[in-house]
């Protein structure tokens, strides 16, 4: 019934995990750097707040993009199997 092999599914899953880990690492740097600048106070606090916000937006956009990719790949696989 399914056209996805076990190894293909594992390879796809590992690719998603690598993407998620990279996304988490990059956004952790942005949010962590922003939080550090906010805590330092002064005029750098505003830059830190912007950096924190950018990190949060990038993280949520990355999650939505990941969800979109999973759905699109599932639809593509289903359409190819129906042919």
N, C-alpha and C. Protein backbone atom coordinates (compact mmCIF):
# COMPACT_ATOMS: atom_id res chain seq x y z
N UNK A 1 0.82 -1.19 0.00
CA UNK A 1 0.00 0.00 0.00
C UNK A 1 0.86 1.26 0.00
N UNK A 2 1.92 1.24 0.77
CA UNK A 2 2.79 2.41 0.86
C UNK A 2 3.93 2.29 -0.15
N UNK A 3 4.31 3.41 -0.72
CA UNK A 3 5.40 3.41 -1.69
C UNK A 3 6.72 3.85 -1.08
N UNK A 4 6.73 4.15 0.21
CA UNK A 4 7.94 4.59 0.88
C UNK A 4 8.61 3.38 1.52
N UNK A 5 9.86 3.15 1.16
CA UNK A 5 10.59 2.03 1.75
C UNK A 5 11.01 2.38 3.17
N UNK A 6 11.38 1.36 3.91
CA UNK A 6 11.83 1.58 5.29
C UNK A 6 13.07 2.47 5.30
N UNK A 7 14.02 2.16 4.45
CA UNK A 7 15.25 2.95 4.42
C UNK A 7 15.00 4.37 3.92
N UNK A 8 14.08 4.51 2.97
CA UNK A 8 13.72 5.85 2.50
C UNK A 8 13.08 6.67 3.61
N UNK A 9 12.24 6.03 4.39
CA UNK A 9 11.60 6.72 5.52
C UNK A 9 12.60 7.12 6.59
N UNK A 10 13.55 6.23 6.86
CA UNK A 10 14.59 6.54 7.85
C UNK A 10 15.47 7.68 7.36
N UNK A 11 15.86 7.62 6.08
CA UNK A 11 16.68 8.69 5.51
C UNK A 11 15.94 10.03 5.57
N UNK A 12 14.66 10.01 5.24
CA UNK A 12 13.85 11.24 5.29
C UNK A 12 13.76 11.75 6.73
N UNK A 13 13.53 10.86 7.66
CA UNK A 13 13.44 11.25 9.07
C UNK A 13 14.74 11.84 9.59
N UNK A 14 15.86 11.25 9.21
CA UNK A 14 17.16 11.78 9.64
C UNK A 14 17.37 13.17 9.05
N UNK A 15 16.97 13.36 7.80
CA UNK A 15 17.08 14.69 7.19
C UNK A 15 16.26 15.73 7.95
N UNK A 16 15.06 15.35 8.38
CA UNK A 16 14.23 16.27 9.16
C UNK A 16 14.85 16.58 10.51
N UNK A 17 15.44 15.57 11.14
CA UNK A 17 16.09 15.78 12.43
C UNK A 17 17.28 16.72 12.28
N UNK A 18 18.08 16.53 11.24
CA UNK A 18 19.23 17.42 11.00
C UNK A 18 18.75 18.85 10.79
N UNK A 19 17.69 19.01 10.01
CA UNK A 19 17.12 20.35 9.78
C UNK A 19 16.67 20.97 11.10
N UNK A 20 15.96 20.20 11.93
CA UNK A 20 15.45 20.72 13.19
C UNK A 20 16.58 21.08 14.15
N UNK A 21 17.61 20.25 14.21
CA UNK A 21 18.75 20.55 15.09
C UNK A 21 19.46 21.82 14.62
N UNK A 22 19.66 21.97 13.32
CA UNK A 22 20.30 23.18 12.79
C UNK A 22 19.45 24.41 13.07
N UNK A 23 18.14 24.29 12.87
CA UNK A 23 17.23 25.40 13.15
C UNK A 23 17.29 25.78 14.62
N UNK A 24 17.27 24.79 15.49
CA UNK A 24 17.32 25.05 16.93
C UNK A 24 18.64 25.70 17.32
N UNK A 25 19.74 25.23 16.76
CA UNK A 25 21.05 25.79 17.08
C UNK A 25 21.16 27.25 16.65
N UNK A 26 20.75 27.53 15.43
CA UNK A 26 20.83 28.90 14.91
C UNK A 26 19.95 29.84 15.71
N UNK A 27 18.73 29.42 15.98
CA UNK A 27 17.83 30.31 16.72
C UNK A 27 18.23 30.42 18.18
N UNK A 28 18.84 29.39 18.74
CA UNK A 28 19.33 29.49 20.12
C UNK A 28 20.44 30.53 20.21
N UNK A 29 21.29 30.58 19.19
CA UNK A 29 22.33 31.62 19.17
C UNK A 29 21.71 33.02 19.10
N UNK A 30 20.70 33.18 18.25
CA UNK A 30 20.06 34.49 18.12
C UNK A 30 19.34 34.88 19.41
N UNK A 31 18.54 33.98 19.94
CA UNK A 31 17.77 34.29 21.15
C UNK A 31 18.71 34.45 22.35
N UNK A 32 19.70 33.58 22.45
CA UNK A 32 20.66 33.69 23.56
C UNK A 32 21.47 34.97 23.49
N UNK A 33 21.92 35.32 22.29
CA UNK A 33 22.65 36.58 22.13
C UNK A 33 21.78 37.78 22.44
N UNK A 34 20.54 37.71 22.00
CA UNK A 34 19.60 38.80 22.31
C UNK A 34 19.34 38.92 23.79
N UNK A 35 19.15 37.79 24.46
CA UNK A 35 18.91 37.82 25.91
C UNK A 35 20.13 38.36 26.65
N UNK A 36 21.32 37.99 26.19
CA UNK A 36 22.54 38.49 26.81
C UNK A 36 22.63 40.01 26.68
N UNK A 37 22.32 40.52 25.49
CA UNK A 37 22.38 41.97 25.28
C UNK A 37 21.30 42.70 26.08
N UNK A 38 20.13 42.10 26.21
CA UNK A 38 19.07 42.73 27.01
C UNK A 38 19.50 42.81 28.47
N UNK A 39 20.12 41.75 28.97
CA UNK A 39 20.56 41.74 30.37
C UNK A 39 21.69 42.73 30.62
N UNK A 40 22.49 43.02 29.60
CA UNK A 40 23.60 43.95 29.80
C UNK A 40 23.12 45.38 29.99
N UNK A 41 21.89 45.65 29.54
CA UNK A 41 21.30 46.97 29.75
C UNK A 41 21.86 48.00 28.79
N UNK A 42 21.52 49.23 29.06
CA UNK A 42 21.99 50.33 28.23
C UNK A 42 21.36 50.34 26.86
N UNK A 43 22.07 50.97 25.94
CA UNK A 43 21.53 51.08 24.58
C UNK A 43 21.58 49.75 23.83
N UNK A 44 22.37 48.80 24.30
CA UNK A 44 22.43 47.49 23.67
C UNK A 44 21.19 46.65 23.95
N UNK A 45 20.40 47.05 24.94
CA UNK A 45 19.20 46.28 25.29
C UNK A 45 18.19 46.29 24.14
N UNK A 46 18.07 47.40 23.45
CA UNK A 46 17.14 47.48 22.32
C UNK A 46 17.59 46.57 21.18
N UNK A 47 18.89 46.56 20.92
CA UNK A 47 19.42 45.67 19.88
C UNK A 47 19.21 44.21 20.30
N UNK A 48 19.40 43.93 21.57
CA UNK A 48 19.18 42.58 22.08
C UNK A 48 17.74 42.14 21.94
N UNK A 49 16.81 43.06 22.19
CA UNK A 49 15.38 42.73 22.05
C UNK A 49 15.04 42.43 20.60
N UNK A 50 15.60 43.20 19.69
CA UNK A 50 15.36 42.95 18.26
C UNK A 50 15.97 41.61 17.86
N UNK A 51 17.17 41.33 18.32
CA UNK A 51 17.83 40.06 18.02
C UNK A 51 17.04 38.88 18.57
N UNK A 52 16.53 39.02 19.79
CA UNK A 52 15.70 37.98 20.39
C UNK A 52 14.44 37.76 19.55
N UNK A 53 13.80 38.85 19.15
CA UNK A 53 12.58 38.75 18.35
C UNK A 53 12.85 38.08 17.00
N UNK A 54 13.95 38.46 16.36
CA UNK A 54 14.31 37.85 15.08
C UNK A 54 14.54 36.35 15.25
N UNK A 55 15.21 35.96 16.32
CA UNK A 55 15.43 34.55 16.59
C UNK A 55 14.13 33.79 16.77
N UNK A 56 13.19 34.37 17.50
CA UNK A 56 11.89 33.72 17.71
C UNK A 56 11.12 33.60 16.40
N UNK A 57 11.14 34.65 15.59
CA UNK A 57 10.43 34.61 14.30
C UNK A 57 11.06 33.57 13.37
N UNK A 58 12.38 33.52 13.34
CA UNK A 58 13.07 32.53 12.49
C UNK A 58 12.72 31.12 12.94
N UNK A 59 12.65 30.89 14.25
CA UNK A 59 12.32 29.56 14.75
C UNK A 59 10.91 29.15 14.33
N UNK A 60 9.94 30.02 14.55
CA UNK A 60 8.57 29.66 14.19
C UNK A 60 8.38 29.55 12.68
N UNK A 61 9.05 30.40 11.92
CA UNK A 61 8.98 30.29 10.46
C UNK A 61 9.62 28.98 9.99
N UNK A 62 10.70 28.59 10.63
CA UNK A 62 11.34 27.32 10.29
C UNK A 62 10.45 26.13 10.60
N UNK A 63 9.73 26.19 11.72
CA UNK A 63 8.80 25.10 12.05
C UNK A 63 7.65 25.03 11.06
N UNK A 64 7.11 26.18 10.67
CA UNK A 64 6.03 26.19 9.68
C UNK A 64 6.55 25.68 8.34
N UNK A 65 7.75 26.07 7.97
CA UNK A 65 8.36 25.58 6.74
C UNK A 65 8.58 24.07 6.77
N UNK A 66 8.97 23.56 7.92
CA UNK A 66 9.15 22.12 8.08
C UNK A 66 7.82 21.39 7.93
N UNK A 67 6.78 21.91 8.53
CA UNK A 67 5.44 21.33 8.40
C UNK A 67 4.99 21.35 6.95
N UNK A 68 5.22 22.46 6.27
CA UNK A 68 4.86 22.57 4.85
C UNK A 68 5.60 21.53 4.02
N UNK A 69 6.88 21.35 4.30
CA UNK A 69 7.68 20.38 3.55
C UNK A 69 7.15 18.97 3.76
N UNK A 70 6.82 18.61 4.98
CA UNK A 70 6.32 17.26 5.25
C UNK A 70 5.01 17.01 4.51
N UNK A 71 4.10 18.00 4.55
CA UNK A 71 2.82 17.85 3.86
C UNK A 71 3.04 17.77 2.35
N UNK A 72 3.86 18.67 1.81
CA UNK A 72 4.10 18.68 0.36
C UNK A 72 4.76 17.39 -0.11
N UNK A 73 5.71 16.88 0.66
CA UNK A 73 6.36 15.63 0.28
C UNK A 73 5.39 14.46 0.35
N UNK A 74 4.50 14.47 1.33
CA UNK A 74 3.49 13.41 1.42
C UNK A 74 2.53 13.44 0.25
N UNK A 75 2.10 14.64 -0.13
CA UNK A 75 1.21 14.77 -1.28
C UNK A 75 1.92 14.32 -2.56
N UNK A 76 3.17 14.73 -2.72
CA UNK A 76 3.94 14.34 -3.91
C UNK A 76 4.09 12.82 -3.99
N UNK A 77 4.40 12.20 -2.86
CA UNK A 77 4.56 10.75 -2.84
C UNK A 77 3.24 10.06 -3.16
N UNK A 78 2.14 10.58 -2.62
CA UNK A 78 0.83 10.00 -2.90
C UNK A 78 0.43 10.14 -4.35
N UNK A 79 0.70 11.30 -4.93
CA UNK A 79 0.37 11.50 -6.35
C UNK A 79 1.21 10.60 -7.26
N UNK A 80 2.47 10.45 -6.92
CA UNK A 80 3.33 9.57 -7.72
C UNK A 80 2.87 8.11 -7.61
N UNK A 81 2.40 7.72 -6.44
CA UNK A 81 1.94 6.34 -6.25
C UNK A 81 0.63 6.09 -6.98
N UNK A 82 -0.18 7.14 -7.16
CA UNK A 82 -1.47 6.99 -7.82
C UNK A 82 -1.33 6.85 -9.34
N UNK A 83 -0.20 7.23 -9.87
CA UNK A 83 -0.01 7.17 -11.34
C UNK A 83 0.29 5.80 -11.80
